[in-house]
Amino acid sequence: MIISYDEKPGIQAIGNVYPDLMPVEGHYSTIARDYEYKRHGTLSLLAGIDLISGRIHYKIFEKHQSNSVPKSSDERRIKNHYILKMDTIL
């Protein structure tokens, strides 16, 4: 199993204050949504895809912790946005 994963900490969890207004034939062709919203805090998302099967795995955390990444010797992880630091030899 080869999993490519990425994490997105600090996602704003927001909700609508007022219900959406549905389209009205002849007047409004799209759904209208008010600009006001209610904050429900932040969440962290850890998501990955199995590069062999295409299966998507995800987990949502209410708090961001560095130990939230699962550890297993049976998986090779390729972290997105990984910066490889190399010494340049001239």
Protein backbone atom coordinates (compact mmCIF):
# COMPACT_ATOMS: atom_id res chain seq x y z
CA MET A 1 0.00 0.00 0.00
CA ILE A 2 1.40 3.41 -0.98
CA ILE A 3 -0.45 6.38 0.50
CA SER A 4 0.00 10.01 -0.50
CA TYR A 5 -1.40 12.27 2.20
CA ASP A 6 -1.68 15.89 3.22
CA GLU A 7 -3.02 17.74 6.21
CA LYS A 8 -5.02 20.96 6.36
CA PRO A 9 -5.05 22.45 9.87
CA GLY A 10 -7.21 25.39 10.89
CA ILE A 11 -10.20 24.94 8.58
CA GLN A 12 -12.96 27.40 9.52
CA ALA A 13 -16.15 25.51 10.44
CA ILE A 14 -18.93 27.93 9.50
CA GLY A 15 -22.67 27.69 9.09
CA ASN A 16 -25.41 29.76 7.50
CA VAL A 17 -27.42 32.15 9.68
CA TYR A 18 -30.37 32.26 7.27
CA PRO A 19 -31.69 29.55 4.92
CA ASP A 20 -30.80 29.70 1.22
CA LEU A 21 -33.30 31.27 -1.18
CA MET A 22 -34.20 28.88 -3.96
CA PRO A 23 -34.37 29.96 -7.64
CA VAL A 24 -37.60 31.57 -8.85
CA GLU A 25 -38.47 30.87 -12.47
CA GLY A 26 -38.32 34.07 -14.51
CA HIS A 27 -36.62 36.09 -11.75
CA TYR A 28 -33.60 34.35 -10.18
CA SER A 29 -31.82 31.48 -11.90
CA THR A 30 -29.49 30.53 -9.04
CA ILE A 31 -29.65 29.83 -5.32
CA ALA A 32 -29.11 32.99 -3.23
CA ARG A 33 -27.13 32.79 0.01
CA ASP A 34 -26.77 35.55 2.59
CA TYR A 35 -23.24 36.74 3.37
CA GLU A 36 -23.66 36.37 7.15
CA TYR A 37 -22.39 33.20 8.79
CA LYS A 38 -21.90 31.70 12.25
CA ARG A 39 -18.48 30.46 13.34
CA HIS A 40 -18.22 27.00 14.87
CA GLY A 41 -14.46 27.02 15.55
CA THR A 42 -11.75 25.31 13.54
CA LEU A 43 -11.05 21.74 12.46
CA SER A 44 -8.04 19.89 11.08
CA LEU A 45 -8.30 17.48 8.15
CA LEU A 46 -5.89 14.64 7.42
CA ALA A 47 -6.61 13.00 4.06
CA GLY A 48 -4.80 10.50 1.90
CA ILE A 49 -5.27 8.39 -1.19
CA ASP A 50 -4.03 4.85 -1.74
CA LEU A 51 -2.10 5.23 -4.99
CA ILE A 52 -2.66 1.57 -5.92
CA SER A 53 -6.41 1.15 -5.28
CA GLY A 54 -7.53 4.79 -5.46
CA ARG A 55 -9.30 4.47 -2.09
CA ILE A 56 -9.53 7.76 -0.16
CA HIS A 57 -8.91 7.81 3.59
CA TYR A 58 -9.64 10.81 5.81
CA LYS A 59 -9.95 11.83 9.44
CA ILE A 60 -11.22 15.09 10.94
CA PHE A 61 -9.82 16.34 14.24
CA GLU A 62 -11.23 19.07 16.49
CA LYS A 63 -7.70 19.88 17.65
CA HIS A 64 -4.44 19.89 15.70
CA GLN A 65 -1.84 17.55 17.19
CA SER A 66 1.48 16.53 15.68
CA ASN A 67 0.91 12.90 16.73
CA SER A 68 -2.31 12.63 14.67
CA VAL A 69 -0.45 11.08 11.71
CA PRO A 70 -0.71 7.28 11.97
CA LYS A 71 2.54 5.34 12.29
CA SER A 72 2.99 2.00 10.55
CA SER A 73 6.00 0.18 9.14
CA ASP A 74 3.77 -1.47 6.50
CA GLU A 75 3.13 1.77 4.65
CA ARG A 76 5.43 4.05 2.72
CA ARG A 77 4.24 7.64 3.05
CA ILE A 78 4.88 10.30 0.48
CA LYS A 79 3.98 13.61 2.10
CA ASN A 80 2.73 16.36 -0.17
CA HIS A 81 4.68 19.61 -0.07
CA TYR A 82 7.73 17.80 1.35
CA ILE A 83 10.84 19.89 0.87
CA LEU A 84 13.93 17.85 0.11
CA LYS A 85 17.00 19.62 1.44
CA MET A 86 20.22 18.75 -0.35
CA ASP A 87 23.74 20.14 -0.18
CA THR A 88 24.90 21.52 -3.49
CA ILE A 89 28.30 20.23 -4.58
CA LEU A 90 30.16 22.53 -6.97
